[in-house]
């Protein structure tokens, strides 16, 4: 049983070390994240080729309708 107790204690120490490392990484990401917000693509979405074609055809139809009425 003494061996098992030592293993559990070692695992707890390893968990604490890992948690400290994760906190350091989180702090670094937070610091870097606040710097990179300016150049990020936040809010942009990729549009599929089919969606682009549908939008294009709809716009061409609006232009044709406007041209017919004027």
PDB file of N, CA and C in Angstrom:
ATOM      1  N   UNK A   1       0.805  -1.199   0.000  1.00  0.00           N
ATOM      2  CA  UNK A   1       0.000   0.000   0.000  1.00  0.00           C
ATOM      3  C   UNK A   1       0.848   1.264   0.000  1.00  0.00           C
ATOM      4  N   UNK A   2       1.994   1.235   0.613  1.00  0.00           N
ATOM      5  CA  UNK A   2       2.869   2.391   0.655  1.00  0.00           C
ATOM      6  C   UNK A   2       3.287   2.820  -0.732  1.00  0.00           C
ATOM      7  N   UNK A   3       3.513   1.868  -1.619  1.00  0.00           N
ATOM      8  CA  UNK A   3       3.910   2.151  -3.000  1.00  0.00           C
ATOM      9  C   UNK A   3       2.784   2.876  -3.734  1.00  0.00           C
ATOM     10  N   UNK A   4       1.554   2.442  -3.520  1.00  0.00           N
ATOM     11  CA  UNK A   4       0.397   3.074  -4.155  1.00  0.00           C
ATOM     12  C   UNK A   4       0.236   4.505  -3.666  1.00  0.00           C
ATOM     13  N   UNK A   5       0.456   4.719  -2.411  1.00  0.00           N
ATOM     14  CA  UNK A   5       0.355   6.054  -1.830  1.00  0.00           C
ATOM     15  C   UNK A   5       1.399   6.984  -2.447  1.00  0.00           C
ATOM     16  N   UNK A   6       2.590   6.492  -2.653  1.00  0.00           N
ATOM     17  CA  UNK A   6       3.650   7.293  -3.259  1.00  0.00           C
ATOM     18  C   UNK A   6       3.298   7.639  -4.705  1.00  0.00           C
ATOM     19  N   UNK A   7       2.702   6.707  -5.414  1.00  0.00           N
ATOM     20  CA  UNK A   7       2.300   6.946  -6.808  1.00  0.00           C
ATOM     21  C   UNK A   7       1.214   8.014  -6.861  1.00  0.00           C
ATOM     22  N   UNK A   8       0.248   7.945  -5.963  1.00  0.00           N
ATOM     23  CA  UNK A   8      -0.826   8.931  -5.922  1.00  0.00           C
ATOM     24  C   UNK A   8      -0.261  10.312  -5.625  1.00  0.00           C
ATOM     25  N   UNK A   9       0.650  10.390  -4.681  1.00  0.00           N
ATOM     26  CA  UNK A   9       1.254  11.678  -4.332  1.00  0.00           C
ATOM     27  C   UNK A   9       2.047  12.239  -5.518  1.00  0.00           C
ATOM     28  N   UNK A  10       2.763  11.386  -6.215  1.00  0.00           N
ATOM     29  CA  UNK A  10       3.530  11.831  -7.383  1.00  0.00           C
ATOM     30  C   UNK A  10       2.598  12.327  -8.484  1.00  0.00           C
ATOM     31  N   UNK A  11       1.485  11.643  -8.680  1.00  0.00           N
ATOM     32  CA  UNK A  11       0.517  12.068  -9.688  1.00  0.00           C
ATOM     33  C   UNK A  11      -0.096  13.422  -9.326  1.00  0.00           C
ATOM     34  N   UNK A  12      -0.345  13.661  -8.055  1.00  0.00           N
ATOM     35  CA  UNK A  12      -0.880  14.953  -7.631  1.00  0.00           C
ATOM     36  C   UNK A  12       0.112  16.076  -7.899  1.00  0.00           C
ATOM     37  N   UNK A  13       1.393  15.806  -7.628  1.00  0.00           N
ATOM     38  CA  UNK A  13       2.423  16.808  -7.905  1.00  0.00           C
ATOM     39  C   UNK A  13       2.497  17.093  -9.403  1.00  0.00           C
ATOM     40  N   UNK A  14       2.409  16.055 -10.201  1.00  0.00           N
ATOM     41  CA  UNK A  14       2.446  16.225 -11.655  1.00  0.00           C
ATOM     42  C   UNK A  14       1.247  17.021 -12.137  1.00  0.00           C
ATOM     43  N   UNK A  15       0.066  16.759 -11.549  1.00  0.00           N
ATOM     44  CA  UNK A  15      -1.133  17.504 -11.919  1.00  0.00           C
ATOM     45  C   UNK A  15      -0.979  18.983 -11.572  1.00  0.00           C
ATOM     46  N   UNK A  16      -0.443  19.289 -10.417  1.00  0.00           N
ATOM     47  CA  UNK A  16      -0.222  20.681 -10.026  1.00  0.00           C
ATOM     48  C   UNK A  16       0.742  21.370 -10.991  1.00  0.00           C
ATOM     49  N   UNK A  17       1.816  20.671 -11.363  1.00  0.00           N
ATOM     50  CA  UNK A  17       2.785  21.232 -12.297  1.00  0.00           C
ATOM     51  C   UNK A  17       2.125  21.506 -13.644  1.00  0.00           C
ATOM     52  N   UNK A  18       1.307  20.566 -14.098  1.00  0.00           N
ATOM     53  CA  UNK A  18       0.622  20.729 -15.381  1.00  0.00           C
ATOM     54  C   UNK A  18      -0.369  21.896 -15.322  1.00  0.00           C
ATOM     55  N   UNK A  19      -1.071  22.042 -14.198  1.00  0.00           N
ATOM     56  CA  UNK A  19      -2.025  23.142 -14.064  1.00  0.00           C
ATOM     57  C   UNK A  19      -1.310  24.487 -14.085  1.00  0.00           C
ATOM     58  N   UNK A  20      -0.142  24.574 -13.433  1.00  0.00           N
ATOM     59  CA  UNK A  20       0.629  25.814 -13.465  1.00  0.00           C
ATOM     60  C   UNK A  20       1.072  26.130 -14.891  1.00  0.00           C
ATOM     61  N   UNK A  21       1.490  25.107 -15.614  1.00  0.00           N
ATOM     62  CA  UNK A  21       1.917  25.299 -17.002  1.00  0.00           C
ATOM     63  C   UNK A  21       0.755  25.777 -17.869  1.00  0.00           C
ATOM     64  N   UNK A  22      -0.415  25.207 -17.668  1.00  0.00           N
ATOM     65  CA  UNK A  22      -1.599  25.614 -18.429  1.00  0.00           C
ATOM     66  C   UNK A  22      -1.946  27.066 -18.120  1.00  0.00           C
ATOM     67  N   UNK A  23      -1.844  27.466 -16.853  1.00  0.00           N
ATOM     68  CA  UNK A  23      -2.115  28.861 -16.498  1.00  0.00           C
ATOM     69  C   UNK A  23      -1.135  29.804 -17.178  1.00  0.00           C
ATOM     70  N   UNK A  24       0.140  29.405 -17.237  1.00  0.00           N
ATOM     71  CA  UNK A  24       1.139  30.238 -17.912  1.00  0.00           C
ATOM     72  C   UNK A  24       0.834  30.350 -19.405  1.00  0.00           C
ATOM     73  N   UNK A  25       0.446  29.253 -20.007  1.00  0.00           N
ATOM     74  CA  UNK A  25       0.108  29.260 -21.432  1.00  0.00           C
ATOM     75  C   UNK A  25      -1.125  30.124 -21.678  1.00  0.00           C
ATOM     76  N   UNK A  26      -2.132  30.019 -20.805  1.00  0.00           N
ATOM     77  CA  UNK A  26      -3.332  30.850 -20.934  1.00  0.00           C
ATOM     78  C   UNK A  26      -2.992  32.333 -20.835  1.00  0.00           C
ATOM     79  N   UNK A  27      -2.098  32.667 -19.907  1.00  0.00           N
ATOM     80  CA  UNK A  27      -1.697  34.068 -19.752  1.00  0.00           C
ATOM     81  C   UNK A  27      -0.988  34.561 -21.010  1.00  0.00           C
ATOM     82  N   UNK A  28      -0.130  33.726 -21.572  1.00  0.00           N
ATOM     83  CA  UNK A  28       0.576  34.109 -22.798  1.00  0.00           C
ATOM     84  C   UNK A  28      -0.399  34.282 -23.954  1.00  0.00           C
ATOM     85  N   UNK A  29      -1.356  33.376 -24.078  1.00  0.00           N
ATOM     86  CA  UNK A  29      -2.353  33.481 -25.150  1.00  0.00           C
ATOM     87  C   UNK A  29      -3.209  34.727 -24.984  1.00  0.00           C
ATOM     88  N   UNK A  30      -3.558  35.054 -23.764  1.00  0.00           N
ATOM     89  CA  UNK A  30      -4.349  36.254 -23.507  1.00  0.00           C
ATOM     90  C   UNK A  30      -3.574  37.496 -23.925  1.00  0.00           C
ATOM     91  N   UNK A  31      -2.295  37.527 -23.550  1.00  0.00           N
ATOM     92  CA  UNK A  31      -1.470  38.684 -23.900  1.00  0.00           C
ATOM     93  C   UNK A  31      -1.312  38.794 -25.414  1.00  0.00           C
ATOM     94  N   UNK A  32      -1.043  37.694 -26.071  1.00  0.00           N
ATOM     95  CA  UNK A  32      -0.865  37.728 -27.522  1.00  0.00           C
ATOM     96  C   UNK A  32      -2.183  37.949 -28.244  1.00  0.00           C
ATOM     97  N   UNK A  33      -3.259  37.415 -27.704  1.00  0.00           N
ATOM     98  CA  UNK A  33      -4.576  37.574 -28.324  1.00  0.00           C
ATOM     99  C   UNK A  33      -5.014  39.022 -28.356  1.00  0.00           C
ATOM    100  N   UNK A  34      -4.692  39.778 -27.316  1.00  0.00           N
ATOM    101  CA  UNK A  34      -5.088  41.176 -27.297  1.00  0.00           C
ATOM    102  C   UNK A  34      -4.299  41.985 -28.317  1.00  0.00           C
ATOM    103  N   UNK A  35      -3.117  41.507 -28.694  1.00  0.00           N
ATOM    104  CA  UNK A  35      -2.321  42.205 -29.701  1.00  0.00           C
ATOM    105  C   UNK A  35      -2.761  41.874 -31.113  1.00  0.00           C
ATOM    106  N   UNK A  36      -3.265  40.662 -31.323  1.00  0.00           N
ATOM    107  CA  UNK A  36      -3.559  40.224 -32.685  1.00  0.00           C
ATOM    108  C   UNK A  36      -4.999  40.462 -33.108  1.00  0.00           C
ATOM    109  N   UNK A  37      -5.816  41.069 -32.266  1.00  0.00           N
ATOM    110  CA  UNK A  37      -7.221  41.313 -32.617  1.00  0.00           C
ATOM    111  C   UNK A  37      -7.320  42.282 -33.782  1.00  0.00           C
ATOM    112  N   UNK A  38      -6.378  43.214 -33.876  1.00  0.00           N
ATOM    113  CA  UNK A  38      -6.430  44.235 -34.916  1.00  0.00           C
ATOM    114  C   UNK A  38      -6.403  43.619 -36.309  1.00  0.00           C
ATOM    115  N   UNK A  39      -5.557  42.622 -36.542  1.00  0.00           N
ATOM    116  CA  UNK A  39      -5.418  42.051 -37.866  1.00  0.00           C
ATOM    117  C   UNK A  39      -6.177  40.769 -38.082  1.00  0.00           C
ATOM    118  N   UNK A  40      -7.065  40.423 -37.189  1.00  0.00           N
ATOM    119  CA  UNK A  40      -7.750  39.146 -37.323  1.00  0.00           C
ATOM    120  C   UNK A  40      -8.904  39.231 -38.316  1.00  0.00           C
ATOM    121  N   UNK A  41      -9.386  38.081 -38.728  1.00  0.00           N
ATOM    122  CA  UNK A  41     -10.510  37.997 -39.668  1.00  0.00           C
ATOM    123  C   UNK A  41     -11.809  37.759 -38.910  1.00  0.00           C
ATOM    124  N   UNK A  42     -11.903  38.271 -37.703  1.00  0.00           N
ATOM    125  CA  UNK A  42     -13.065  38.029 -36.866  1.00  0.00           C
ATOM    126  C   UNK A  42     -14.335  38.481 -37.578  1.00  0.00           C
ATOM    127  N   UNK A  43     -15.325  37.591 -37.639  1.00  0.00           N
ATOM    128  CA  UNK A  43     -16.606  37.943 -38.206  1.00  0.00           C
ATOM    129  C   UNK A  43     -16.747  37.590 -39.677  1.00  0.00           C
ATOM    130  N   UNK A  44     -15.693  37.163 -40.320  1.00  0.00           N
ATOM    131  CA  UNK A  44     -15.796  36.815 -41.735  1.00  0.00           C
ATOM    132  C   UNK A  44     -16.091  35.335 -41.883  1.00  0.00           C
ATOM    133  N   UNK A  45     -16.850  35.013 -42.912  1.00  0.00           N
ATOM    134  CA  UNK A  45     -17.203  33.629 -43.174  1.00  0.00           C
ATOM    135  C   UNK A  45     -16.832  33.291 -44.612  1.00  0.00           C
ATOM    136  N   UNK A  46     -16.491  32.055 -44.838  1.00  0.00           N
ATOM    137  CA  UNK A  46     -16.191  31.596 -46.184  1.00  0.00           C
ATOM    138  C   UNK A  46     -17.493  31.231 -46.878  1.00  0.00           C
ATOM    139  N   UNK A  47     -17.647  31.686 -48.105  1.00  0.00           N
ATOM    140  CA  UNK A  47     -18.854  31.400 -48.871  1.00  0.00           C
ATOM    141  C   UNK A  47     -18.506  30.372 -49.931  1.00  0.00           C
ATOM    142  N   UNK A  48     -19.347  29.384 -50.080  1.00  0.00           N
ATOM    143  CA  UNK A  48     -19.105  28.333 -51.063  1.00  0.00           C
ATOM    144  C   UNK A  48     -19.278  28.888 -52.481  1.00  0.00           C
ATOM    145  N   UNK A  49     -18.737  28.158 -53.434  1.00  0.00           N
ATOM    146  CA  UNK A  49     -18.841  28.570 -54.832  1.00  0.00           C
ATOM    147  C   UNK A  49     -20.305  28.621 -55.273  1.00  0.00           C
ATOM    148  N   UNK A  50     -21.099  27.677 -54.800  1.00  0.00           N
ATOM    149  CA  UNK A  50     -22.518  27.650 -55.167  1.00  0.00           C
ATOM    150  C   UNK A  50     -23.238  28.889 -54.620  1.00  0.00           C
ATOM    151  N   UNK A  51     -22.898  29.284 -53.405  1.00  0.00           N
ATOM    152  CA  UNK A  51     -23.529  30.467 -52.824  1.00  0.00           C
ATOM    153  C   UNK A  51     -23.110  31.729 -53.569  1.00  0.00           C
ATOM    154  N   UNK A  52     -21.829  31.818 -53.934  1.00  0.00           N
ATOM    155  CA  UNK A  52     -21.364  32.985 -54.703  1.00  0.00           C
ATOM    156  C   UNK A  52     -22.081  33.067 -56.038  1.00  0.00           C
ATOM    157  N   UNK A  53     -22.267  31.925 -56.696  1.00  0.00           N
ATOM    158  CA  UNK A  53     -22.963  31.904 -57.983  1.00  0.00           C
ATOM    159  C   UNK A  53     -24.411  32.347 -57.823  1.00  0.00           C
ATOM    160  N   UNK A  54     -25.069  31.883 -56.757  1.00  0.00           N
ATOM    161  CA  UNK A  54     -26.457  32.250 -56.505  1.00  0.00           C
ATOM    162  C   UNK A  54     -26.583  33.761 -56.264  1.00  0.00           C
ATOM    163  N   UNK A  55     -25.663  34.309 -55.498  1.00  0.00           N
ATOM    164  CA  UNK A  55     -25.669  35.749 -55.241  1.00  0.00           C
ATOM    165  C   UNK A  55     -25.435  36.514 -56.536  1.00  0.00           C
ATOM    166  N   UNK A  56     -24.497  36.024 -57.347  1.00  0.00           N
ATOM    167  CA  UNK A  56     -24.184  36.681 -58.614  1.00  0.00           C
ATOM    168  C   UNK A  56     -25.390  36.690 -59.552  1.00  0.00           C
ATOM    169  N   UNK A  57     -26.054  35.561 -59.648  1.00  0.00           N
ATOM    170  CA  UNK A  57     -27.227  35.481 -60.525  1.00  0.00           C
ATOM    171  C   UNK A  57     -28.356  36.382 -60.030  1.00  0.00           C
ATOM    172  N   UNK A  58     -28.525  36.464 -58.720  1.00  0.00           N
ATOM    173  CA  UNK A  58     -29.569  37.334 -58.164  1.00  0.00           C
ATOM    174  C   UNK A  58     -29.261  38.796 -58.465  1.00  0.00           C
ATOM    175  N   UNK A  59     -27.993  39.184 -58.332  1.00  0.00           N
ATOM    176  CA  UNK A  59     -27.622  40.574 -58.622  1.00  0.00           C
ATOM    177  C   UNK A  59     -27.802  40.880 -60.101  1.00  0.00           C
ATOM    178  N   UNK A  60     -27.431  39.954 -60.973  1.00  0.00           N
ATOM    179  CA  UNK A  60     -27.610  40.158 -62.418  1.00  0.00           C
ATOM    180  C   UNK A  60     -29.090  40.297 -62.753  1.00  0.00           C
ATOM    181  N   UNK A  61     -29.943  39.532 -62.067  1.00  0.00           N
ATOM    182  CA  UNK A  61     -31.385  39.643 -62.300  1.00  0.00           C
ATOM    183  C   UNK A  61     -31.891  41.016 -61.850  1.00  0.00           C
ATOM    184  N   UNK A  62     -31.376  41.535 -60.743  1.00  0.00           N
ATOM    185  CA  UNK A  62     -31.786  42.874 -60.285  1.00  0.00           C
ATOM    186  C   UNK A  62     -31.354  43.930 -61.285  1.00  0.00           C
ATOM    187  N   UNK A  63     -30.118  43.802 -61.807  1.00  0.00           N
ATOM    188  CA  UNK A  63     -29.632  44.771 -62.793  1.00  0.00           C
ATOM    189  C   UNK A  63     -30.476  44.721 -64.064  1.00  0.00           C
ATOM    190  N   UNK A  64     -30.814  43.506 -64.499  1.00  0.00           N
ATOM    191  CA  UNK A  64     -31.638  43.365 -65.713  1.00  0.00           C
ATOM    192  C   UNK A  64     -33.020  43.971 -65.507  1.00  0.00           C
ATOM    193  N   UNK A  65     -33.611  43.756 -64.349  1.00  0.00           N
ATOM    194  CA  UNK A  65     -34.920  44.308 -64.046  1.00  0.00           C
ATOM    195  C   UNK A  65     -34.856  45.844 -64.033  1.00  0.00           C
ATOM    196  N   UNK A  66     -33.811  46.385 -63.442  1.00  0.00           N
ATOM    197  CA  UNK A  66     -33.649  47.834 -63.379  1.00  0.00           C
ATOM    198  C   UNK A  66     -33.441  48.409 -64.786  1.00  0.00           C
ATOM    199  N   UNK A  67     -32.690  47.691 -65.602  1.00  0.00           N
ATOM    200  CA  UNK A  67     -32.428  48.157 -66.960  1.00  0.00           C
ATOM    201  C   UNK A  67     -33.709  48.154 -67.791  1.00  0.00           C
ATOM    202  N   UNK A  68     -34.581  47.146 -67.583  1.00  0.00           N
ATOM    203  CA  UNK A  68     -35.851  47.070 -68.330  1.00  0.00           C
ATOM    204  C   UNK A  68     -36.787  48.201 -67.947  1.00  0.00           C
ATOM    205  N   UNK A  69     -36.800  48.595 -66.696  1.00  0.00           N
ATOM    206  CA  UNK A  69     -37.744  49.620 -66.247  1.00  0.00           C
ATOM    207  C   UNK A  69     -37.290  51.026 -66.563  1.00  0.00           C
ATOM    208  N   UNK A  70     -35.999  51.222 -66.835  1.00  0.00           N
ATOM    209  CA  UNK A  70     -35.531  52.590 -67.096  1.00  0.00           C
ATOM    210  C   UNK A  70     -35.465  52.915 -68.571  1.00  0.00           C
TER     211      UNK A  70
END
